[in-house]
């Protein structure tokens, strides 16, 4: 699995990190991971995504768990869970593609030539209106189908692999294919096999496995199973650019300050204005998600001013020491 983009960064300055504060992202304890962890859950068919999260909360005895990309009750597959503060980073996974394997039934048997011709119409950008039972406004919108493959066909049953933009309704895709074919089509079963960079080659975790691993840790003090299931949340951010900051700038950022030039140590090469970046400590811990206000060249040439605007603070305040002062308010 890829690590966060902390290699081959453009070095702007050098600094010494203090091992007294923070922890290297890949050396967190289980207690740390329960607040900054990621679980690639294999959701079973039946429960809603909300119910699945509620069960995970009870298993791990956590007040805060979030998921990325809702799955309908009867849909199975990858459901990334963010634990504690890690929930704030899950939105990044919505920026990448998703892959599904869908089984559908045609209402009549078309010729191979006709079926291939219709499927070819659903490559690229398509128009889609969300189904009646959906959580979003039923307004026609565009979605991109990157790949549409007929994996297998047995008479009127089709197994399709779909690589698509987030927010694509696969049930509606089957319906629309059936409408063009004529008699119609119905989706029978669906599984999500990829969310952004995560796929089924990664270790997926069932709720039963999670419950067993947590019990083993709690009752026998054996964390070996749980360590394999809870990943550092930084692994969800491997596809976006990176910024490394001084230890002295971390707590100010956690309290809502914007990131200024003097606090930056390293940046990703070819950084452009408007890029979404993950801001890291020198130990690789994610501090926040931010948007670049300047390009790589502009940042390298500047000595002061703000370089990034903070979109989402992930690290809890006071994790690093306070090295900033608030302005005194003069009495009137």
C-alpha atoms as a PDB file:
ATOM      1  CA  UNK A   1       0.000   0.000   0.000  1.00  0.00           C
ATOM      2  CA  UNK A   2       1.308   3.456  -0.877  1.00  0.00           C
ATOM      3  CA  UNK A   3       2.500   5.780   1.849  1.00  0.00           C
ATOM      4  CA  UNK A   4       1.606   9.497   1.968  1.00  0.00           C
ATOM      5  CA  UNK A   5       3.501  11.615  -0.540  1.00  0.00           C
ATOM      6  CA  UNK A   6       6.343  12.562   1.804  1.00  0.00           C
ATOM      7  CA  UNK A   7       9.127  11.425  -0.477  1.00  0.00           C
ATOM      8  CA  UNK A   8      10.718  13.482  -3.267  1.00  0.00           C
ATOM      9  CA  UNK A   9       9.301  16.717  -1.869  1.00  0.00           C
ATOM     10  CA  UNK A  10      10.822  20.076  -2.706  1.00  0.00           C
ATOM     11  CA  UNK A  11      12.828  21.087   0.386  1.00  0.00           C
ATOM     12  CA  UNK A  12      12.449  24.769   1.236  1.00  0.00           C
ATOM     13  CA  UNK A  13      14.079  24.747   4.659  1.00  0.00           C
ATOM     14  CA  UNK A  14      15.349  22.406   7.337  1.00  0.00           C
ATOM     15  CA  UNK A  15      14.224  21.935  10.914  1.00  0.00           C
ATOM     16  CA  UNK A  16      14.684  19.521  13.798  1.00  0.00           C
ATOM     17  CA  UNK A  17      11.632  17.598  14.940  1.00  0.00           C
ATOM     18  CA  UNK A  18      11.094  17.059  18.654  1.00  0.00           C
ATOM     19  CA  UNK A  19      10.327  13.450  19.569  1.00  0.00           C
ATOM     20  CA  UNK A  20       8.699  14.661  22.766  1.00  0.00           C
ATOM     21  CA  UNK A  21       5.544  15.597  20.834  1.00  0.00           C
ATOM     22  CA  UNK A  22       3.376  13.714  18.378  1.00  0.00           C
ATOM     23  CA  UNK A  23       4.097  10.238  17.062  1.00  0.00           C
ATOM     24  CA  UNK A  24       5.274   8.880  13.701  1.00  0.00           C
ATOM     25  CA  UNK A  25       2.103   8.102  11.765  1.00  0.00           C
ATOM     26  CA  UNK A  26       3.072   4.450  11.187  1.00  0.00           C
ATOM     27  CA  UNK A  27       4.023   3.853  14.838  1.00  0.00           C
ATOM     28  CA  UNK A  28       0.772   4.810  16.510  1.00  0.00           C
ATOM     29  CA  UNK A  29      -0.588   2.748  19.376  1.00  0.00           C
ATOM     30  CA  UNK A  30      -4.027   1.154  19.112  1.00  0.00           C
ATOM     31  CA  UNK A  31      -5.421   3.956  21.278  1.00  0.00           C
ATOM     32  CA  UNK A  32      -3.983   6.507  18.841  1.00  0.00           C
ATOM     33  CA  UNK A  33      -5.347   4.610  15.840  1.00  0.00           C
ATOM     34  CA  UNK A  34      -8.816   4.571  17.384  1.00  0.00           C
ATOM     35  CA  UNK A  35      -8.763   8.352  16.939  1.00  0.00           C
ATOM     36  CA  UNK A  36      -6.751   8.625  13.699  1.00  0.00           C
ATOM     37  CA  UNK A  37      -7.495   5.335  11.990  1.00  0.00           C
ATOM     38  CA  UNK A  38      -9.042   3.977   8.804  1.00  0.00           C
ATOM     39  CA  UNK A  39     -10.854   0.657   8.427  1.00  0.00           C
ATOM     40  CA  UNK A  40     -11.661  -0.810   5.012  1.00  0.00           C
ATOM     41  CA  UNK A  41     -14.893  -2.497   6.007  1.00  0.00           C
ATOM     42  CA  UNK A  42     -16.471  -5.193   3.870  1.00  0.00           C
ATOM     43  CA  UNK A  43     -20.105  -4.189   4.240  1.00  0.00           C
ATOM     44  CA  UNK A  44     -22.544  -7.102   4.049  1.00  0.00           C
ATOM     45  CA  UNK A  45     -25.827  -6.888   2.127  1.00  0.00           C
ATOM     46  CA  UNK A  46     -28.798  -6.098   4.360  1.00  0.00           C
ATOM     47  CA  UNK A  47     -28.003  -3.239   6.744  1.00  0.00           C
ATOM     48  CA  UNK A  48     -27.830   0.400   5.730  1.00  0.00           C
ATOM     49  CA  UNK A  49     -24.487   2.184   5.808  1.00  0.00           C
ATOM     50  CA  UNK A  50     -25.737   4.117   8.846  1.00  0.00           C
ATOM     51  CA  UNK A  51     -26.582   0.884  10.684  1.00  0.00           C
ATOM     52  CA  UNK A  52     -23.193  -0.585   9.767  1.00  0.00           C
ATOM     53  CA  UNK A  53     -21.447   2.448  11.250  1.00  0.00           C
ATOM     54  CA  UNK A  54     -23.584   2.200  14.402  1.00  0.00           C
ATOM     55  CA  UNK A  55     -22.512  -1.436  14.845  1.00  0.00           C
ATOM     56  CA  UNK A  56     -18.852  -0.488  14.360  1.00  0.00           C
ATOM     57  CA  UNK A  57     -19.239   2.200  17.042  1.00  0.00           C
ATOM     58  CA  UNK A  58     -20.584  -0.360  19.491  1.00  0.00           C
ATOM     59  CA  UNK A  59     -17.856  -2.882  18.670  1.00  0.00           C
ATOM     60  CA  UNK A  60     -15.016  -0.366  19.069  1.00  0.00           C
ATOM     61  CA  UNK A  61     -16.766   1.598  21.848  1.00  0.00           C
ATOM     62  CA  UNK A  62     -16.205   4.863  20.015  1.00  0.00           C
ATOM     63  CA  UNK A  63     -18.511   7.899  19.938  1.00  0.00           C
ATOM     64  CA  UNK A  64     -17.418   9.046  16.493  1.00  0.00           C
ATOM     65  CA  UNK A  65     -17.065   7.001  13.306  1.00  0.00           C
ATOM     66  CA  UNK A  66     -17.876   8.154   9.783  1.00  0.00           C
ATOM     67  CA  UNK A  67     -18.021   6.484   6.370  1.00  0.00           C
ATOM     68  CA  UNK A  68     -17.131   7.524   2.838  1.00  0.00           C
ATOM     69  CA  UNK A  69     -19.680   6.902   0.100  1.00  0.00           C
ATOM     70  CA  UNK A  70     -23.048   5.494   1.139  1.00  0.00           C
ATOM     71  CA  UNK A  71     -23.978   1.999   0.001  1.00  0.00           C
ATOM     72  CA  UNK A  72     -27.628   0.989  -0.349  1.00  0.00           C
ATOM     73  CA  UNK A  73     -28.803  -1.717   2.081  1.00  0.00           C
ATOM     74  CA  UNK A  74     -28.600  -4.635  -0.381  1.00  0.00           C
ATOM     75  CA  UNK A  75     -25.220  -3.548  -1.790  1.00  0.00           C
ATOM     76  CA  UNK A  76     -22.033  -5.106  -0.409  1.00  0.00           C
ATOM     77  CA  UNK A  77     -18.387  -4.143  -0.681  1.00  0.00           C
ATOM     78  CA  UNK A  78     -15.818  -1.607   0.424  1.00  0.00           C
ATOM     79  CA  UNK A  79     -17.068   0.951   2.934  1.00  0.00           C
ATOM     80  CA  UNK A  80     -14.143   3.024   4.285  1.00  0.00           C
ATOM     81  CA  UNK A  81     -14.612   4.016   7.935  1.00  0.00           C
ATOM     82  CA  UNK A  82     -12.815   6.912   9.614  1.00  0.00           C
ATOM     83  CA  UNK A  83     -12.341   6.698  13.372  1.00  0.00           C
ATOM     84  CA  UNK A  84     -12.521   9.775  15.601  1.00  0.00           C
ATOM     85  CA  UNK A  85     -10.750  12.773  14.093  1.00  0.00           C
ATOM     86  CA  UNK A  86     -10.044  10.728  10.963  1.00  0.00           C
ATOM     87  CA  UNK A  87     -13.650  11.238   9.824  1.00  0.00           C
ATOM     88  CA  UNK A  88     -12.608  14.721   8.691  1.00  0.00           C
ATOM     89  CA  UNK A  89     -10.292  13.296   6.020  1.00  0.00           C
ATOM     90  CA  UNK A  90     -12.750  10.890   4.375  1.00  0.00           C
ATOM     91  CA  UNK A  91     -14.028  13.456   1.866  1.00  0.00           C
ATOM     92  CA  UNK A  92     -10.796  13.059  -0.115  1.00  0.00           C
ATOM     93  CA  UNK A  93     -11.892   9.544  -1.128  1.00  0.00           C
ATOM     94  CA  UNK A  94     -14.905  11.019  -2.941  1.00  0.00           C
ATOM     95  CA  UNK A  95     -12.540  12.691  -5.421  1.00  0.00           C
ATOM     96  CA  UNK A  96     -11.475   9.409  -6.999  1.00  0.00           C
ATOM     97  CA  UNK A  97     -13.264   6.740  -9.064  1.00  0.00           C
ATOM     98  CA  UNK A  98     -15.329   3.827  -7.788  1.00  0.00           C
ATOM     99  CA  UNK A  99     -15.630   0.355  -9.215  1.00  0.00           C
ATOM    100  CA  UNK A 100     -18.651  -1.947  -9.059  1.00  0.00           C
ATOM    101  CA  UNK A 101     -19.558  -5.432 -10.175  1.00  0.00           C
ATOM    102  CA  UNK A 102     -23.261  -5.511 -10.977  1.00  0.00           C
ATOM    103  CA  UNK A 103     -25.496  -8.412 -11.913  1.00  0.00           C
ATOM    104  CA  UNK A 104     -28.532  -7.454 -13.982  1.00  0.00           C
ATOM    105  CA  UNK A 105     -31.377  -9.211 -15.763  1.00  0.00           C
ATOM    106  CA  UNK A 106     -32.561  -8.138 -19.213  1.00  0.00           C
ATOM    107  CA  UNK A 107     -36.297  -8.371 -19.851  1.00  0.00           C
ATOM    108  CA  UNK A 108     -35.586  -9.906 -23.274  1.00  0.00           C
ATOM    109  CA  UNK A 109     -32.562 -11.387 -25.010  1.00  0.00           C
ATOM    110  CA  UNK A 110     -30.996  -8.981 -27.541  1.00  0.00           C
ATOM    111  CA  UNK A 111     -28.465  -9.935 -30.183  1.00  0.00           C
ATOM    112  CA  UNK A 112     -24.801  -9.668 -29.217  1.00  0.00           C
ATOM    113  CA  UNK A 113     -24.314  -6.895 -31.761  1.00  0.00           C
ATOM    114  CA  UNK A 114     -27.160  -4.824 -30.345  1.00  0.00           C
ATOM    115  CA  UNK A 115     -26.057  -5.323 -26.737  1.00  0.00           C
ATOM    116  CA  UNK A 116     -22.475  -4.320 -27.540  1.00  0.00           C
ATOM    117  CA  UNK A 117     -23.679  -1.248 -29.406  1.00  0.00           C
ATOM    118  CA  UNK A 118     -25.853  -0.124 -26.482  1.00  0.00           C
ATOM    119  CA  UNK A 119     -23.139  -0.704 -23.884  1.00  0.00           C
ATOM    120  CA  UNK A 120     -20.744   1.376 -25.976  1.00  0.00           C
ATOM    121  CA  UNK A 121     -23.150   4.303 -25.658  1.00  0.00           C
ATOM    122  CA  UNK A 122     -22.509   4.356 -21.897  1.00  0.00           C
ATOM    123  CA  UNK A 123     -18.774   5.026 -22.070  1.00  0.00           C
ATOM    124  CA  UNK A 124     -17.602   8.515 -21.161  1.00  0.00           C
ATOM    125  CA  UNK A 125     -19.863  11.288 -19.925  1.00  0.00           C
ATOM    126  CA  UNK A 126     -23.516  10.315 -19.482  1.00  0.00           C
ATOM    127  CA  UNK A 127     -26.648  12.048 -18.239  1.00  0.00           C
ATOM    128  CA  UNK A 128     -28.281  10.539 -15.209  1.00  0.00           C
ATOM    129  CA  UNK A 129     -31.271  11.403 -13.050  1.00  0.00           C
ATOM    130  CA  UNK A 130     -31.166   9.939  -9.520  1.00  0.00           C
ATOM    131  CA  UNK A 131     -33.840   7.305  -8.796  1.00  0.00           C
ATOM    132  CA  UNK A 132     -36.959   8.215  -6.836  1.00  0.00           C
ATOM    133  CA  UNK A 133     -35.623   6.627  -3.656  1.00  0.00           C
ATOM    134  CA  UNK A 134     -32.442   8.635  -3.275  1.00  0.00           C
ATOM    135  CA  UNK A 135     -31.054  11.074  -0.741  1.00  0.00           C
ATOM    136  CA  UNK A 136     -30.283  13.778  -3.314  1.00  0.00           C
ATOM    137  CA  UNK A 137     -32.373  16.146  -5.403  1.00  0.00           C
ATOM    138  CA  UNK A 138     -33.798  14.351  -8.459  1.00  0.00           C
ATOM    139  CA  UNK A 139     -32.172  16.600 -11.004  1.00  0.00           C
ATOM    140  CA  UNK A 140     -30.503  15.434 -14.211  1.00  0.00           C
ATOM    141  CA  UNK A 141     -26.727  15.603 -13.930  1.00  0.00           C
ATOM    142  CA  UNK A 142     -23.649  14.314 -15.727  1.00  0.00           C
ATOM    143  CA  UNK A 143     -21.443  11.484 -14.526  1.00  0.00           C
ATOM    144  CA  UNK A 144     -18.437   9.858 -16.203  1.00  0.00           C
ATOM    145  CA  UNK A 145     -18.160   6.143 -16.909  1.00  0.00           C
ATOM    146  CA  UNK A 146     -14.442   5.441 -17.297  1.00  0.00           C
ATOM    147  CA  UNK A 147     -14.757   1.723 -18.073  1.00  0.00           C
ATOM    148  CA  UNK A 148     -17.766  -0.521 -18.761  1.00  0.00           C
ATOM    149  CA  UNK A 149     -16.958  -4.181 -19.276  1.00  0.00           C
ATOM    150  CA  UNK A 150     -19.258  -7.114 -19.941  1.00  0.00           C
ATOM    151  CA  UNK A 151     -17.574  -9.696 -17.699  1.00  0.00           C
ATOM    152  CA  UNK A 152     -19.989 -12.541 -18.313  1.00  0.00           C
ATOM    153  CA  UNK A 153     -23.384 -13.237 -19.875  1.00  0.00           C
ATOM    154  CA  UNK A 154     -25.689 -16.181 -19.340  1.00  0.00           C
ATOM    155  CA  UNK A 155     -28.753 -15.711 -21.494  1.00  0.00           C
ATOM    156  CA  UNK A 156     -30.553 -12.664 -20.021  1.00  0.00           C
ATOM    157  CA  UNK A 157     -28.215 -12.298 -17.006  1.00  0.00           C
ATOM    158  CA  UNK A 158     -25.357  -9.808 -17.385  1.00  0.00           C
ATOM    159  CA  UNK A 159     -22.374  -9.290 -15.095  1.00  0.00           C
ATOM    160  CA  UNK A 160     -20.921  -5.827 -15.668  1.00  0.00           C
ATOM    161  CA  UNK A 161     -17.811  -4.201 -14.256  1.00  0.00           C
ATOM    162  CA  UNK A 162     -18.217  -0.445 -13.997  1.00  0.00           C
ATOM    163  CA  UNK A 163     -15.452   2.037 -13.188  1.00  0.00           C
ATOM    164  CA  UNK A 164     -17.123   5.387 -12.731  1.00  0.00           C
ATOM    165  CA  UNK A 165     -17.166   8.791 -11.127  1.00  0.00           C
ATOM    166  CA  UNK A 166     -18.363   9.008  -7.534  1.00  0.00           C
ATOM    167  CA  UNK A 167     -22.101   9.622  -7.337  1.00  0.00           C
ATOM    168  CA  UNK A 168     -23.018   7.343 -10.264  1.00  0.00           C
ATOM    169  CA  UNK A 169     -26.141   5.234  -9.660  1.00  0.00           C
ATOM    170  CA  UNK A 170     -25.468   1.741 -10.977  1.00  0.00           C
ATOM    171  CA  UNK A 171     -29.082   0.628 -10.533  1.00  0.00           C
ATOM    172  CA  UNK A 172     -30.120   3.548 -12.730  1.00  0.00           C
ATOM    173  CA  UNK A 173     -27.380   2.629 -15.212  1.00  0.00           C
ATOM    174  CA  UNK A 174     -28.910  -0.846 -15.651  1.00  0.00           C
ATOM    175  CA  UNK A 175     -32.361   0.744 -15.986  1.00  0.00           C
ATOM    176  CA  UNK A 176     -31.173   3.159 -18.687  1.00  0.00           C
ATOM    177  CA  UNK A 177     -29.414   0.376 -20.601  1.00  0.00           C
ATOM    178  CA  UNK A 178     -32.677  -1.579 -20.536  1.00  0.00           C
ATOM    179  CA  UNK A 179     -34.637   1.438 -21.770  1.00  0.00           C
ATOM    180  CA  UNK A 180     -32.428   1.793 -24.844  1.00  0.00           C
ATOM    181  CA  UNK A 181     -32.506  -1.939 -25.522  1.00  0.00           C
ATOM    182  CA  UNK A 182     -36.310  -1.723 -25.461  1.00  0.00           C
ATOM    183  CA  UNK A 183     -37.947  -4.179 -23.050  1.00  0.00           C
ATOM    184  CA  UNK A 184     -35.980  -2.982 -20.003  1.00  0.00           C
ATOM    185  CA  UNK A 185     -33.466  -4.311 -17.448  1.00  0.00           C
ATOM    186  CA  UNK A 186     -33.284  -4.710 -13.684  1.00  0.00           C
ATOM    187  CA  UNK A 187     -30.266  -4.807 -11.403  1.00  0.00           C
ATOM    188  CA  UNK A 188     -30.254  -7.957  -9.272  1.00  0.00           C
ATOM    189  CA  UNK A 189     -27.082  -7.666  -7.169  1.00  0.00           C
ATOM    190  CA  UNK A 190     -24.277  -5.154  -6.700  1.00  0.00           C
ATOM    191  CA  UNK A 191     -20.861  -5.081  -5.027  1.00  0.00           C
ATOM    192  CA  UNK A 192     -18.447  -2.163  -4.713  1.00  0.00           C
ATOM    193  CA  UNK A 193     -14.908  -3.375  -5.359  1.00  0.00           C
ATOM    194  CA  UNK A 194     -12.962  -0.106  -5.337  1.00  0.00           C
ATOM    195  CA  UNK A 195     -13.048   3.311  -3.657  1.00  0.00           C
ATOM    196  CA  UNK A 196     -10.406   5.661  -5.070  1.00  0.00           C
ATOM    197  CA  UNK A 197      -7.038   3.913  -4.470  1.00  0.00           C
ATOM    198  CA  UNK A 198      -8.448   1.136  -2.272  1.00  0.00           C
ATOM    199  CA  UNK A 199      -9.641  -2.127  -3.807  1.00  0.00           C
ATOM    200  CA  UNK A 200     -10.222  -5.748  -2.887  1.00  0.00           C
ATOM    201  CA  UNK A 201      -6.507  -6.529  -3.014  1.00  0.00           C
ATOM    202  CA  UNK A 202      -6.284  -4.571   0.237  1.00  0.00           C
ATOM    203  CA  UNK A 203      -7.227  -6.288   3.469  1.00  0.00           C
ATOM    204  CA  UNK A 204     -10.990  -5.877   3.879  1.00  0.00           C
ATOM    205  CA  UNK A 205     -12.474  -6.349   7.341  1.00  0.00           C
ATOM    206  CA  UNK A 206     -15.831  -7.842   8.260  1.00  0.00           C
ATOM    207  CA  UNK A 207     -17.768  -6.764  11.337  1.00  0.00           C
ATOM    208  CA  UNK A 208     -17.311 -10.214  12.862  1.00  0.00           C
ATOM    209  CA  UNK A 209     -13.531 -10.050  12.372  1.00  0.00           C
ATOM    210  CA  UNK A 210     -13.464  -6.566  13.887  1.00  0.00           C
ATOM    211  CA  UNK A 211     -15.437  -7.689  16.944  1.00  0.00           C
ATOM    212  CA  UNK A 212     -13.141 -10.673  17.447  1.00  0.00           C
ATOM    213  CA  UNK A 213      -9.966  -8.566  17.130  1.00  0.00           C
ATOM    214  CA  UNK A 214     -11.239  -5.912  19.546  1.00  0.00           C
ATOM    215  CA  UNK A 215     -12.243  -8.543  22.119  1.00  0.00           C
ATOM    216  CA  UNK A 216      -8.790 -10.129  21.839  1.00  0.00           C
ATOM    217  CA  UNK A 217      -7.170  -6.745  22.499  1.00  0.00           C
ATOM    218  CA  UNK A 218      -9.496  -5.818  25.348  1.00  0.00           C
ATOM    219  CA  UNK A 219      -9.527  -9.175  27.142  1.00  0.00           C
ATOM    220  CA  UNK A 220      -6.067 -10.605  26.363  1.00  0.00           C
ATOM    221  CA  UNK A 221      -4.121  -7.399  25.661  1.00  0.00           C
ATOM    222  CA  UNK A 222      -3.215  -8.877  22.275  1.00  0.00           C
ATOM    223  CA  UNK A 223      -3.395  -6.153  19.606  1.00  0.00           C
ATOM    224  CA  UNK A 224      -1.907  -8.195  16.738  1.00  0.00           C
ATOM    225  CA  UNK A 225      -5.196  -8.676  14.871  1.00  0.00           C
ATOM    226  CA  UNK A 226      -6.439  -5.136  15.446  1.00  0.00           C
ATOM    227  CA  UNK A 227      -3.172  -3.653  14.161  1.00  0.00           C
ATOM    228  CA  UNK A 228      -3.756  -5.374  10.822  1.00  0.00           C
ATOM    229  CA  UNK A 229      -7.277  -3.966  10.531  1.00  0.00           C
ATOM    230  CA  UNK A 230      -6.869  -0.315  11.544  1.00  0.00           C
ATOM    231  CA  UNK A 231      -4.714   1.682   9.125  1.00  0.00           C
ATOM    232  CA  UNK A 232      -3.322   5.204   9.662  1.00  0.00           C
ATOM    233  CA  UNK A 233      -5.734   7.725   8.123  1.00  0.00           C
ATOM    234  CA  UNK A 234      -2.773   9.170   6.196  1.00  0.00           C
ATOM    235  CA  UNK A 235      -3.067   6.223   3.788  1.00  0.00           C
ATOM    236  CA  UNK A 236      -6.349   7.737   2.538  1.00  0.00           C
ATOM    237  CA  UNK A 237      -4.440  10.826   1.396  1.00  0.00           C
ATOM    238  CA  UNK A 238      -1.788   9.231  -0.814  1.00  0.00           C
ATOM    239  CA  UNK A 239      -3.293  10.578  -4.054  1.00  0.00           C
ATOM    240  CA  UNK A 240      -3.136  14.284  -3.181  1.00  0.00           C
ATOM    241  CA  UNK A 241      -0.120  16.570  -2.876  1.00  0.00           C
ATOM    242  CA  UNK A 242       1.728  17.209   0.382  1.00  0.00           C
ATOM    243  CA  UNK A 243       3.140  19.975   2.533  1.00  0.00           C
ATOM    244  CA  UNK A 244       5.415  19.424   5.538  1.00  0.00           C
ATOM    245  CA  UNK A 245       5.495  22.117   8.223  1.00  0.00           C
ATOM    246  CA  UNK A 246       7.589  23.037  11.249  1.00  0.00           C
ATOM    247  CA  UNK A 247       6.658  21.650  14.644  1.00  0.00           C
ATOM    248  CA  UNK A 248       6.265  25.225  15.843  1.00  0.00           C
ATOM    249  CA  UNK A 249       3.512  25.864  13.265  1.00  0.00           C
ATOM    250  CA  UNK A 250       1.393  22.778  14.019  1.00  0.00           C
ATOM    251  CA  UNK A 251      -0.658  23.981  16.983  1.00  0.00           C
ATOM    252  CA  UNK A 252      -1.406  27.365  15.404  1.00  0.00           C
ATOM    253  CA  UNK A 253      -2.838  25.552  12.389  1.00  0.00           C
ATOM    254  CA  UNK A 254      -4.889  23.312  14.697  1.00  0.00           C
ATOM    255  CA  UNK A 255      -6.403  26.455  16.238  1.00  0.00           C
ATOM    256  CA  UNK A 256      -7.504  27.816  12.866  1.00  0.00           C
ATOM    257  CA  UNK A 257      -4.516  29.849  11.690  1.00  0.00           C
ATOM    258  CA  UNK A 258      -3.665  29.924   7.987  1.00  0.00           C
ATOM    259  CA  UNK A 259      -0.347  28.461   6.849  1.00  0.00           C
ATOM    260  CA  UNK A 260       2.267  31.127   6.167  1.00  0.00           C
ATOM    261  CA  UNK A 261       5.529  30.829   4.224  1.00  0.00           C
ATOM    262  CA  UNK A 262       7.866  30.731   7.281  1.00  0.00           C
ATOM    263  CA  UNK A 263       6.115  27.620   8.625  1.00  0.00           C
ATOM    264  CA  UNK A 264       6.700  25.524   5.479  1.00  0.00           C
ATOM    265  CA  UNK A 265       9.577  23.056   5.198  1.00  0.00           C
ATOM    266  CA  UNK A 266       8.700  20.976   2.118  1.00  0.00           C
ATOM    267  CA  UNK A 267       6.116  20.923  -0.662  1.00  0.00           C
ATOM    268  CA  UNK A 268       5.206  18.551  -3.480  1.00  0.00           C
ATOM    269  CA  UNK A 269       6.848  19.319  -6.832  1.00  0.00           C
ATOM    270  CA  UNK A 270       4.716  20.929  -9.537  1.00  0.00           C
ATOM    271  CA  UNK A 271       2.312  22.367  -6.965  1.00  0.00           C
ATOM    272  CA  UNK A 272      -0.226  24.676  -8.602  1.00  0.00           C
ATOM    273  CA  UNK A 273      -2.490  27.370  -7.262  1.00  0.00           C
ATOM    274  CA  UNK A 274      -5.810  25.845  -6.192  1.00  0.00           C
ATOM    275  CA  UNK A 275      -4.415  22.350  -5.535  1.00  0.00           C
ATOM    276  CA  UNK A 276      -5.809  20.413  -2.605  1.00  0.00           C
ATOM    277  CA  UNK A 277      -2.988  19.338  -0.299  1.00  0.00           C
ATOM    278  CA  UNK A 278      -2.528  17.383   2.911  1.00  0.00           C
ATOM    279  CA  UNK A 279      -0.496  19.237   5.531  1.00  0.00           C
ATOM    280  CA  UNK A 280       1.821  16.978   7.548  1.00  0.00           C
ATOM    281  CA  UNK A 281       4.123  17.196  10.541  1.00  0.00           C
ATOM    282  CA  UNK A 282       7.707  16.030  10.123  1.00  0.00           C
ATOM    283  CA  UNK A 283       6.587  12.690  11.576  1.00  0.00           C
ATOM    284  CA  UNK A 284       4.089  12.227   8.753  1.00  0.00           C
ATOM    285  CA  UNK A 285       0.982  12.953  10.846  1.00  0.00           C
ATOM    286  CA  UNK A 286      -1.740  14.746   8.907  1.00  0.00           C
ATOM    287  CA  UNK A 287      -2.605  18.104  10.440  1.00  0.00           C
ATOM    288  CA  UNK A 288      -5.133  19.489   7.986  1.00  0.00           C
ATOM    289  CA  UNK A 289      -6.394  19.650   4.430  1.00  0.00           C
ATOM    290  CA  UNK A 290      -5.689  22.933   2.685  1.00  0.00           C
ATOM    291  CA  UNK A 291      -5.845  24.705  -0.648  1.00  0.00           C
ATOM    292  CA  UNK A 292      -2.780  26.240  -2.226  1.00  0.00           C
ATOM    293  CA  UNK A 293      -2.919  29.991  -2.757  1.00  0.00           C
ATOM    294  CA  UNK A 294       0.382  30.041  -4.666  1.00  0.00           C
ATOM    295  CA  UNK A 295       2.315  27.868  -7.101  1.00  0.00           C
ATOM    296  CA  UNK A 296       5.509  25.988  -6.233  1.00  0.00           C
ATOM    297  CA  UNK A 297       7.656  28.722  -7.782  1.00  0.00           C
ATOM    298  CA  UNK A 298       5.835  31.508  -5.953  1.00  0.00           C
ATOM    299  CA  UNK A 299       6.205  29.725  -2.611  1.00  0.00           C
ATOM    300  CA  UNK A 300       9.926  29.116  -3.173  1.00  0.00           C
ATOM    301  CA  UNK A 301      10.504  32.794  -4.044  1.00  0.00           C
ATOM    302  CA  UNK A 302       8.433  34.265  -1.189  1.00  0.00           C
ATOM    303  CA  UNK A 303       9.653  35.018   2.334  1.00  0.00           C
ATOM    304  CA  UNK A 304       6.368  35.994   3.971  1.00  0.00           C
ATOM    305  CA  UNK A 305       2.608  35.912   3.486  1.00  0.00           C
ATOM    306  CA  UNK A 306       0.076  33.097   3.407  1.00  0.00           C
ATOM    307  CA  UNK A 307       0.624  30.162   1.063  1.00  0.00           C
ATOM    308  CA  UNK A 308      -2.312  27.900   1.954  1.00  0.00           C
ATOM    309  CA  UNK A 309      -5.823  28.364   3.244  1.00  0.00           C
ATOM    310  CA  UNK A 310      -7.070  25.679   5.615  1.00  0.00           C
ATOM    311  CA  UNK A 311     -10.153  23.725   4.525  1.00  0.00           C
ATOM    312  CA  UNK A 312     -10.371  21.083   7.246  1.00  0.00           C
ATOM    313  CA  UNK A 313      -8.446  20.692  10.500  1.00  0.00           C
ATOM    314  CA  UNK A 314      -7.850  17.025  11.326  1.00  0.00           C
ATOM    315  CA  UNK A 315      -5.354  16.993  14.192  1.00  0.00           C
ATOM    316  CA  UNK A 316      -6.736  17.816  17.643  1.00  0.00           C
ATOM    317  CA  UNK A 317      -5.426  21.080  19.170  1.00  0.00           C
ATOM    318  CA  UNK A 318      -2.705  20.858  21.841  1.00  0.00           C
ATOM    319  CA  UNK A 319      -1.157  17.734  20.311  1.00  0.00           C
ATOM    320  CA  UNK A 320       1.941  19.878  19.753  1.00  0.00           C
ATOM    321  CA  UNK A 321       3.107  22.706  22.070  1.00  0.00           C
ATOM    322  CA  UNK A 322       1.787  26.206  21.639  1.00  0.00           C
ATOM    323  CA  UNK A 323       4.363  28.434  19.949  1.00  0.00           C
ATOM    324  CA  UNK A 324       2.135  31.340  19.048  1.00  0.00           C
ATOM    325  CA  UNK A 325       0.664  34.337  20.794  1.00  0.00           C
ATOM    326  CA  UNK A 326      -2.731  35.946  20.543  1.00  0.00           C
ATOM    327  CA  UNK A 327      -2.963  39.679  20.234  1.00  0.00           C
ATOM    328  CA  UNK A 328      -3.730  41.444  23.482  1.00  0.00           C
ATOM    329  CA  UNK A 329      -7.058  43.239  23.492  1.00  0.00           C
ATOM    330  CA  UNK A 330      -6.684  46.782  24.731  1.00  0.00           C
ATOM    331  CA  UNK A 331      -9.360  47.912  27.223  1.00  0.00           C
ATOM    332  CA  UNK A 332     -11.610  50.651  25.980  1.00  0.00           C
END
